Amino acid sequence: MKFLVFLGTVRDSTPPRPARLGERVAKACLKCLADRYGEHEVELIDALDYPLEPVFKPHFAYAAGRAPGALNELADKIASADGFIMISPEYNHLMSPTLANLLNHFGSSLFSYKPSAIVTYSAGQWGGMRAAVAMRTFLSELGCLPVSAMIHVPKAQEVFADNGLPQNAESEASWFDYFGRTFHQLIWWGQATTAHRAKADPHELVRDFKKDPSERNAP
């Protein structure tokens, strides 16, 4: 299967230090996935590669084939993926505005009927868990329901080095065992939903919202 790992941080300035702390967490997740789940294809989608535009215009608001190339390419990747891993810091108890902005460019039909996993982190003791709770609702609205297990990394600057490897006395095996609880659930649901989508196209059973909000109104 194919999984996309979204890294939802673009702030490369300090303080606090280090800048782009989430990059360490993303590298640790990618290493765990490569070491323990190497039979699956995994690709990092870094929000830093998609700069914010002056005026927000989502991919689905463009005429067919008229969207910027980067958005078209990402839309194709989302459509072909079997599941998603969302990595976010916490801002005012919510997910990263950058991650929300990037995901909001795409309609839920691209994400729907696929699972997602939530990974949060912080420089403090809570590991972004309050943002993770809010992310459940956001991802559910996109249709990529998050699995029950979540990953939280408190004091991430003390846990992972800039190459994503554990530092000091931290155990890579212990952290990867912890990650594995979430990734196992993601893969199980990914296999189940991929198999069932092949048997019954959900977009044929439930009409997608395409042009007008009235398409999902009650009679």
Foldseek 3Di string as FASTA:
>chain_A
DEEEEEQQDQFCDDDPPDGPLSLLVVLLLVVLCCVPVVVYHYYYDYLNVPDDDPDQDAPLNDDPPPDPPVNVVVLVVLQPGLEYEYEAEADPLAGRPSVVSSVVSDALVSNALHAYAYAAADLADPQSVSRVVVVQVVSVNSHHHYDPQHHGYYNSPQQGDSSNHGDDPHDSVVVSVSVVVRVVRRVVSSVVSVVVCVVPPVCVVPPDDRDDPCVPDDD
